[in-house]
């Protein structure tokens, strides 16, 4: 697959009203959901497509109750930029895997909290 930098580019704009913002959010969500199988194969994610889709849903649900239109526009811009970077293969596998913190080497328990704990675990 040839990489076209402008293929996934979306012009940044402000939402006219809440119904326009809702339509744009749903379009972004659908694009991410449809891209889950391709993300799995491109980046070699060791999780099933269903886990990738549920993680995408969690990320959208995290911002579900944002009630300011300019904030929704900024979140949409960030989502579109992330989508373009991901689909154009401008990210590395560890960037994609950082979304799965609990199953990842970059999780919360990566380093011990203090020297003694690390020493007793046998870590350097």
N, C-alpha and C. Protein backbone atom coordinates (compact mmCIF):
# COMPACT_ATOMS: atom_id res chain seq x y z
N UNK A 1 0.84 -1.18 0.00
CA UNK A 1 0.00 0.00 0.00
C UNK A 1 0.88 1.24 0.00
N UNK A 2 0.69 2.11 -0.96
CA UNK A 2 1.46 3.33 -1.05
C UNK A 2 0.94 4.35 -0.04
N UNK A 3 1.85 5.06 0.55
CA UNK A 3 1.48 6.05 1.55
C UNK A 3 1.23 7.38 0.86
N UNK A 4 0.05 7.91 1.05
CA UNK A 4 -0.32 9.21 0.52
C UNK A 4 -0.62 10.12 1.69
N UNK A 5 0.24 11.12 1.95
CA UNK A 5 0.05 11.94 3.14
C UNK A 5 -1.29 12.67 3.19
N UNK A 6 -1.87 12.95 2.05
CA UNK A 6 -3.12 13.70 2.06
C UNK A 6 -4.36 12.82 1.99
N UNK A 7 -4.19 11.52 1.91
CA UNK A 7 -5.34 10.63 1.76
C UNK A 7 -6.29 10.71 2.96
N UNK A 8 -5.76 10.77 4.15
CA UNK A 8 -6.58 10.78 5.36
C UNK A 8 -6.67 12.16 5.99
N UNK A 9 -6.18 13.18 5.29
CA UNK A 9 -6.20 14.54 5.83
C UNK A 9 -7.63 15.09 5.82
N UNK A 10 -8.00 15.74 6.91
CA UNK A 10 -9.31 16.37 7.03
C UNK A 10 -9.08 17.82 7.41
N UNK A 11 -9.74 18.72 6.71
CA UNK A 11 -9.58 20.14 6.97
C UNK A 11 -10.12 20.48 8.36
N UNK A 12 -9.36 21.25 9.09
CA UNK A 12 -9.77 21.67 10.42
C UNK A 12 -10.82 22.77 10.30
N UNK A 13 -11.91 22.60 11.02
CA UNK A 13 -12.96 23.61 11.01
C UNK A 13 -13.72 23.56 12.31
N UNK A 14 -14.52 24.59 12.54
CA UNK A 14 -15.34 24.63 13.73
C UNK A 14 -16.71 24.05 13.42
N UNK A 15 -17.30 23.44 14.42
CA UNK A 15 -18.64 22.93 14.27
C UNK A 15 -19.64 24.08 14.32
N UNK A 16 -20.64 24.04 13.45
CA UNK A 16 -21.63 25.10 13.41
C UNK A 16 -22.58 25.03 14.61
N UNK A 17 -22.94 23.81 15.01
CA UNK A 17 -23.84 23.62 16.15
C UNK A 17 -23.62 22.21 16.69
N UNK A 18 -24.42 21.82 17.69
CA UNK A 18 -24.23 20.53 18.32
C UNK A 18 -24.54 19.36 17.39
N UNK A 19 -25.52 19.52 16.52
CA UNK A 19 -25.84 18.42 15.60
C UNK A 19 -24.70 18.20 14.60
N UNK A 20 -24.06 19.28 14.16
CA UNK A 20 -22.91 19.16 13.28
C UNK A 20 -21.75 18.47 14.00
N UNK A 21 -21.52 18.85 15.25
CA UNK A 21 -20.45 18.22 16.04
C UNK A 21 -20.73 16.74 16.25
N UNK A 22 -21.98 16.41 16.54
CA UNK A 22 -22.34 15.01 16.74
C UNK A 22 -22.10 14.20 15.47
N UNK A 23 -22.47 14.75 14.33
CA UNK A 23 -22.26 14.07 13.06
C UNK A 23 -20.77 13.85 12.80
N UNK A 24 -19.94 14.83 13.12
CA UNK A 24 -18.51 14.71 12.91
C UNK A 24 -17.88 13.70 13.86
N UNK A 25 -18.35 13.66 15.10
CA UNK A 25 -17.83 12.69 16.07
C UNK A 25 -18.19 11.27 15.65
N UNK A 26 -19.41 11.07 15.20
CA UNK A 26 -19.82 9.74 14.76
C UNK A 26 -19.03 9.31 13.53
N UNK A 27 -18.75 10.24 12.62
CA UNK A 27 -17.95 9.91 11.43
C UNK A 27 -16.53 9.52 11.83
N UNK A 28 -15.95 10.23 12.80
CA UNK A 28 -14.60 9.90 13.26
C UNK A 28 -14.58 8.54 13.96
N UNK A 29 -15.60 8.28 14.77
CA UNK A 29 -15.70 6.99 15.46
C UNK A 29 -15.81 5.84 14.47
N UNK A 30 -16.64 6.00 13.46
CA UNK A 30 -16.81 4.94 12.46
C UNK A 30 -15.53 4.71 11.68
N UNK A 31 -14.81 5.78 11.37
CA UNK A 31 -13.54 5.61 10.65
C UNK A 31 -12.55 4.81 11.48
N UNK A 32 -12.46 5.11 12.78
CA UNK A 32 -11.55 4.37 13.66
C UNK A 32 -11.96 2.90 13.76
N UNK A 33 -13.26 2.65 13.92
CA UNK A 33 -13.75 1.28 14.07
C UNK A 33 -13.49 0.48 12.80
N UNK A 34 -13.72 1.08 11.64
CA UNK A 34 -13.47 0.39 10.38
C UNK A 34 -12.00 0.10 10.17
N UNK A 35 -11.13 0.93 10.73
CA UNK A 35 -9.70 0.78 10.52
C UNK A 35 -9.05 -0.22 11.47
N UNK A 36 -9.79 -0.74 12.44
CA UNK A 36 -9.20 -1.64 13.44
C UNK A 36 -8.52 -2.86 12.84
N UNK A 37 -9.12 -3.57 11.87
CA UNK A 37 -8.39 -4.73 11.30
C UNK A 37 -7.10 -4.33 10.60
N UNK A 38 -7.13 -3.19 9.91
CA UNK A 38 -5.93 -2.74 9.22
C UNK A 38 -4.85 -2.31 10.21
N UNK A 39 -5.25 -1.69 11.31
CA UNK A 39 -4.28 -1.30 12.34
C UNK A 39 -3.63 -2.54 12.93
N UNK A 40 -4.43 -3.57 13.15
CA UNK A 40 -3.88 -4.81 13.71
C UNK A 40 -2.82 -5.41 12.78
N UNK A 41 -3.08 -5.45 11.49
CA UNK A 41 -2.12 -6.06 10.57
C UNK A 41 -0.93 -5.15 10.32
N UNK A 42 -1.14 -3.84 10.21
CA UNK A 42 -0.03 -2.93 9.92
C UNK A 42 0.99 -2.90 11.06
N UNK A 43 0.50 -2.83 12.28
CA UNK A 43 1.39 -2.66 13.43
C UNK A 43 1.69 -3.97 14.14
N UNK A 44 1.08 -5.07 13.73
CA UNK A 44 1.34 -6.36 14.37
C UNK A 44 0.88 -6.39 15.81
N UNK A 45 -0.28 -5.82 16.07
CA UNK A 45 -0.82 -5.77 17.43
C UNK A 45 -1.23 -7.19 17.84
N UNK A 46 -0.75 -7.68 19.00
CA UNK A 46 -1.05 -9.05 19.40
C UNK A 46 -2.44 -9.23 20.03
N UNK A 47 -3.31 -8.25 19.91
CA UNK A 47 -4.66 -8.33 20.46
C UNK A 47 -5.65 -8.57 19.33
N UNK A 48 -6.80 -9.21 19.62
CA UNK A 48 -7.81 -9.39 18.58
C UNK A 48 -8.43 -8.06 18.18
N UNK A 49 -9.07 -8.05 17.03
CA UNK A 49 -9.70 -6.83 16.52
C UNK A 49 -10.77 -6.34 17.50
N UNK A 50 -11.45 -7.25 18.15
CA UNK A 50 -12.49 -6.85 19.11
C UNK A 50 -11.89 -6.05 20.27
N UNK A 51 -10.69 -6.43 20.72
CA UNK A 51 -10.04 -5.68 21.81
C UNK A 51 -9.62 -4.30 21.34
N UNK A 52 -9.17 -4.19 20.10
CA UNK A 52 -8.79 -2.88 19.56
C UNK A 52 -10.03 -2.00 19.45
N UNK A 53 -11.12 -2.58 18.98
CA UNK A 53 -12.36 -1.80 18.86
C UNK A 53 -12.90 -1.38 20.22
N UNK A 54 -12.79 -2.24 21.21
CA UNK A 54 -13.28 -1.85 22.55
C UNK A 54 -12.41 -0.76 23.15
N UNK A 55 -11.11 -0.78 22.85
CA UNK A 55 -10.23 0.28 23.35
C UNK A 55 -10.54 1.61 22.66
N UNK A 56 -10.86 1.55 21.37
CA UNK A 56 -11.27 2.77 20.65
C UNK A 56 -12.54 3.32 21.27
N UNK A 57 -13.48 2.43 21.56
CA UNK A 57 -14.74 2.86 22.18
C UNK A 57 -14.49 3.50 23.55
N UNK A 58 -13.60 2.91 24.35
CA UNK A 58 -13.27 3.48 25.65
C UNK A 58 -12.71 4.89 25.51
N UNK A 59 -11.90 5.09 24.51
CA UNK A 59 -11.30 6.41 24.31
C UNK A 59 -12.36 7.44 23.93
N UNK A 60 -13.32 7.05 23.10
CA UNK A 60 -14.40 7.97 22.76
C UNK A 60 -15.34 8.17 23.94
N UNK A 61 -15.60 7.13 24.71
CA UNK A 61 -16.47 7.25 25.87
C UNK A 61 -15.87 8.13 26.96
N UNK A 62 -14.56 8.19 27.00
CA UNK A 62 -13.89 9.01 28.00
C UNK A 62 -14.26 10.48 27.86
N UNK A 63 -14.55 10.90 26.64
CA UNK A 63 -14.89 12.29 26.37
C UNK A 63 -16.37 12.47 26.04
N UNK A 64 -17.18 11.55 26.47
CA UNK A 64 -18.59 11.57 26.11
C UNK A 64 -19.34 12.78 26.64
N UNK A 65 -19.02 13.21 27.83
CA UNK A 65 -19.80 14.26 28.47
C UNK A 65 -19.14 15.63 28.39
N UNK A 66 -18.36 15.86 27.38
CA UNK A 66 -17.81 17.20 27.14
C UNK A 66 -18.96 18.07 26.67
N UNK A 67 -19.14 19.23 27.32
CA UNK A 67 -20.31 20.04 27.01
C UNK A 67 -19.95 21.42 26.45
N UNK A 68 -18.74 21.58 25.94
CA UNK A 68 -18.35 22.83 25.31
C UNK A 68 -17.97 22.55 23.86
N UNK A 69 -18.58 23.26 22.96
CA UNK A 69 -18.39 23.02 21.54
C UNK A 69 -16.93 23.24 21.09
N UNK A 70 -16.23 24.27 21.56
CA UNK A 70 -14.82 24.42 21.14
C UNK A 70 -13.94 23.26 21.61
N UNK A 71 -14.24 22.69 22.76
CA UNK A 71 -13.47 21.55 23.26
C UNK A 71 -13.72 20.32 22.38
N UNK A 72 -14.96 20.14 21.96
CA UNK A 72 -15.28 19.03 21.06
C UNK A 72 -14.52 19.20 19.74
N UNK A 73 -14.43 20.44 19.24
CA UNK A 73 -13.70 20.69 18.00
C UNK A 73 -12.22 20.36 18.14
N UNK A 74 -11.63 20.69 19.28
CA UNK A 74 -10.21 20.37 19.50
C UNK A 74 -10.01 18.86 19.59
N UNK A 75 -10.90 18.18 20.30
CA UNK A 75 -10.81 16.71 20.40
C UNK A 75 -10.97 16.06 19.03
N UNK A 76 -11.85 16.59 18.21
CA UNK A 76 -12.01 16.07 16.85
C UNK A 76 -10.74 16.29 16.02
N UNK A 77 -10.15 17.45 16.18
CA UNK A 77 -8.91 17.72 15.46
C UNK A 77 -7.81 16.75 15.88
N UNK A 78 -7.69 16.51 17.18
CA UNK A 78 -6.69 15.55 17.66
C UNK A 78 -6.97 14.14 17.16
N UNK A 79 -8.25 13.76 17.16
CA UNK A 79 -8.62 12.43 16.68
C UNK A 79 -8.28 12.28 15.20
N UNK A 80 -8.58 13.29 14.41
CA UNK A 80 -8.30 13.23 12.98
C UNK A 80 -6.79 13.19 12.72
N UNK A 81 -6.03 13.95 13.49
CA UNK A 81 -4.57 13.92 13.33
C UNK A 81 -4.00 12.56 13.71
N UNK A 82 -4.49 11.99 14.82
CA UNK A 82 -4.05 10.65 15.23
C UNK A 82 -4.42 9.60 14.20
N UNK A 83 -5.61 9.73 13.64
CA UNK A 83 -6.06 8.78 12.62
C UNK A 83 -5.16 8.85 11.39
N UNK A 84 -4.84 10.07 10.97
CA UNK A 84 -3.98 10.23 9.80
C UNK A 84 -2.58 9.66 10.07
N UNK A 85 -2.04 9.93 11.24
CA UNK A 85 -0.71 9.40 11.58
C UNK A 85 -0.72 7.88 11.65
N UNK A 86 -1.78 7.33 12.20
CA UNK A 86 -1.86 5.87 12.35
C UNK A 86 -2.02 5.19 11.00
N UNK A 87 -2.91 5.68 10.18
CA UNK A 87 -3.20 5.03 8.91
C UNK A 87 -2.10 5.24 7.86
N UNK A 88 -1.34 6.31 7.98
CA UNK A 88 -0.22 6.53 7.06
C UNK A 88 1.05 5.85 7.54
N UNK A 89 0.96 5.11 8.63
CA UNK A 89 2.09 4.37 9.19
C UNK A 89 3.22 5.30 9.63
N UNK A 90 2.83 6.45 10.18
CA UNK A 90 3.80 7.41 10.70
C UNK A 90 4.10 7.16 12.17
N UNK A 91 3.45 6.22 12.77
CA UNK A 91 3.70 5.84 14.16
C UNK A 91 4.53 4.58 14.20
N UNK A 92 5.05 4.31 15.37
CA UNK A 92 5.75 3.06 15.58
C UNK A 92 4.85 2.14 16.40
N UNK A 93 5.21 0.88 16.42
CA UNK A 93 4.38 -0.10 17.12
C UNK A 93 4.23 0.24 18.60
N UNK A 94 5.28 0.75 19.23
CA UNK A 94 5.16 1.07 20.65
C UNK A 94 4.22 2.24 20.89
N UNK A 95 4.03 3.13 19.92
CA UNK A 95 3.04 4.21 20.08
C UNK A 95 1.63 3.63 20.10
N UNK A 96 1.37 2.67 19.24
CA UNK A 96 0.05 2.05 19.20
C UNK A 96 -0.16 1.19 20.43
N UNK A 97 0.88 0.47 20.85
CA UNK A 97 0.76 -0.40 22.02
C UNK A 97 0.61 0.39 23.32
N UNK A 98 0.97 1.67 23.32
CA UNK A 98 0.82 2.45 24.55
C UNK A 98 -0.65 2.67 24.91
N UNK A 99 -1.58 2.40 23.98
CA UNK A 99 -3.00 2.48 24.29
C UNK A 99 -3.46 1.28 25.11
N UNK A 100 -2.68 0.22 25.12
CA UNK A 100 -3.01 -0.98 25.89
C UNK A 100 -2.06 -1.07 27.08
N UNK A 101 -2.19 -0.16 28.02
CA UNK A 101 -1.23 -0.05 29.12
C UNK A 101 -1.21 -1.28 30.02
N UNK A 102 -2.36 -1.86 30.30
CA UNK A 102 -2.39 -2.98 31.25
C UNK A 102 -1.75 -4.24 30.69
N UNK A 103 -1.73 -4.39 29.36
CA UNK A 103 -1.11 -5.57 28.77
C UNK A 103 0.26 -5.24 28.18
N UNK A 104 0.80 -4.11 28.52
CA UNK A 104 1.96 -3.61 27.81
C UNK A 104 3.17 -3.50 28.73
N UNK A 105 4.34 -3.46 28.14
CA UNK A 105 5.55 -3.28 28.92
C UNK A 105 5.68 -1.87 29.45
N UNK A 106 4.91 -0.93 28.95
CA UNK A 106 4.95 0.44 29.43
C UNK A 106 3.87 0.70 30.47
N UNK A 107 3.39 -0.33 31.12
CA UNK A 107 2.32 -0.19 32.10
C UNK A 107 2.79 0.51 33.37
N UNK A 108 1.91 0.59 34.32
CA UNK A 108 2.20 1.29 35.58
C UNK A 108 3.28 0.59 36.40
N UNK A 109 3.39 -0.74 36.29
CA UNK A 109 4.33 -1.50 37.11
C UNK A 109 5.64 -1.75 36.38
N UNK A 110 6.01 -0.86 35.47
CA UNK A 110 7.23 -1.04 34.71
C UNK A 110 8.46 -0.89 35.59
N UNK A 111 8.47 0.11 36.44
CA UNK A 111 9.60 0.34 37.33
C UNK A 111 9.15 0.26 38.78
N UNK A 112 10.03 -0.18 39.66
CA UNK A 112 9.66 -0.21 41.09
C UNK A 112 9.50 1.21 41.63
N UNK A 113 8.72 1.33 42.69
CA UNK A 113 8.44 2.66 43.24
C UNK A 113 9.62 3.23 44.00
N UNK A 114 10.47 2.36 44.58
CA UNK A 114 11.64 2.87 45.29
C UNK A 114 12.79 1.87 45.15
N UNK A 115 13.95 2.23 45.68
CA UNK A 115 15.13 1.42 45.51
C UNK A 115 15.01 0.05 46.20
N UNK A 116 14.50 0.04 47.43
CA UNK A 116 14.43 -1.20 48.20
C UNK A 116 13.50 -2.21 47.52
N UNK A 117 12.38 -1.76 47.02
CA UNK A 117 11.47 -2.67 46.33
C UNK A 117 12.13 -3.28 45.11
N UNK A 118 12.82 -2.46 44.34
CA UNK A 118 13.53 -2.97 43.16
C UNK A 118 14.66 -3.93 43.55
N UNK A 119 15.35 -3.61 44.63
CA UNK A 119 16.45 -4.47 45.10
C UNK A 119 15.93 -5.83 45.53
N UNK A 120 14.81 -5.85 46.28
CA UNK A 120 14.26 -7.09 46.75
C UNK A 120 13.66 -7.93 45.62
N UNK A 121 13.21 -7.27 44.55
CA UNK A 121 12.70 -8.02 43.40
C UNK A 121 13.82 -8.52 42.51
N UNK A 122 15.02 -8.05 42.73
CA UNK A 122 16.15 -8.48 41.92
C UNK A 122 16.30 -7.68 40.66
N UNK A 123 15.75 -6.47 40.65
CA UNK A 123 15.86 -5.62 39.47
C UNK A 123 17.02 -4.66 39.64
N UNK A 124 17.54 -4.22 38.54
CA UNK A 124 18.61 -3.18 38.58
C UNK A 124 18.01 -1.81 38.48
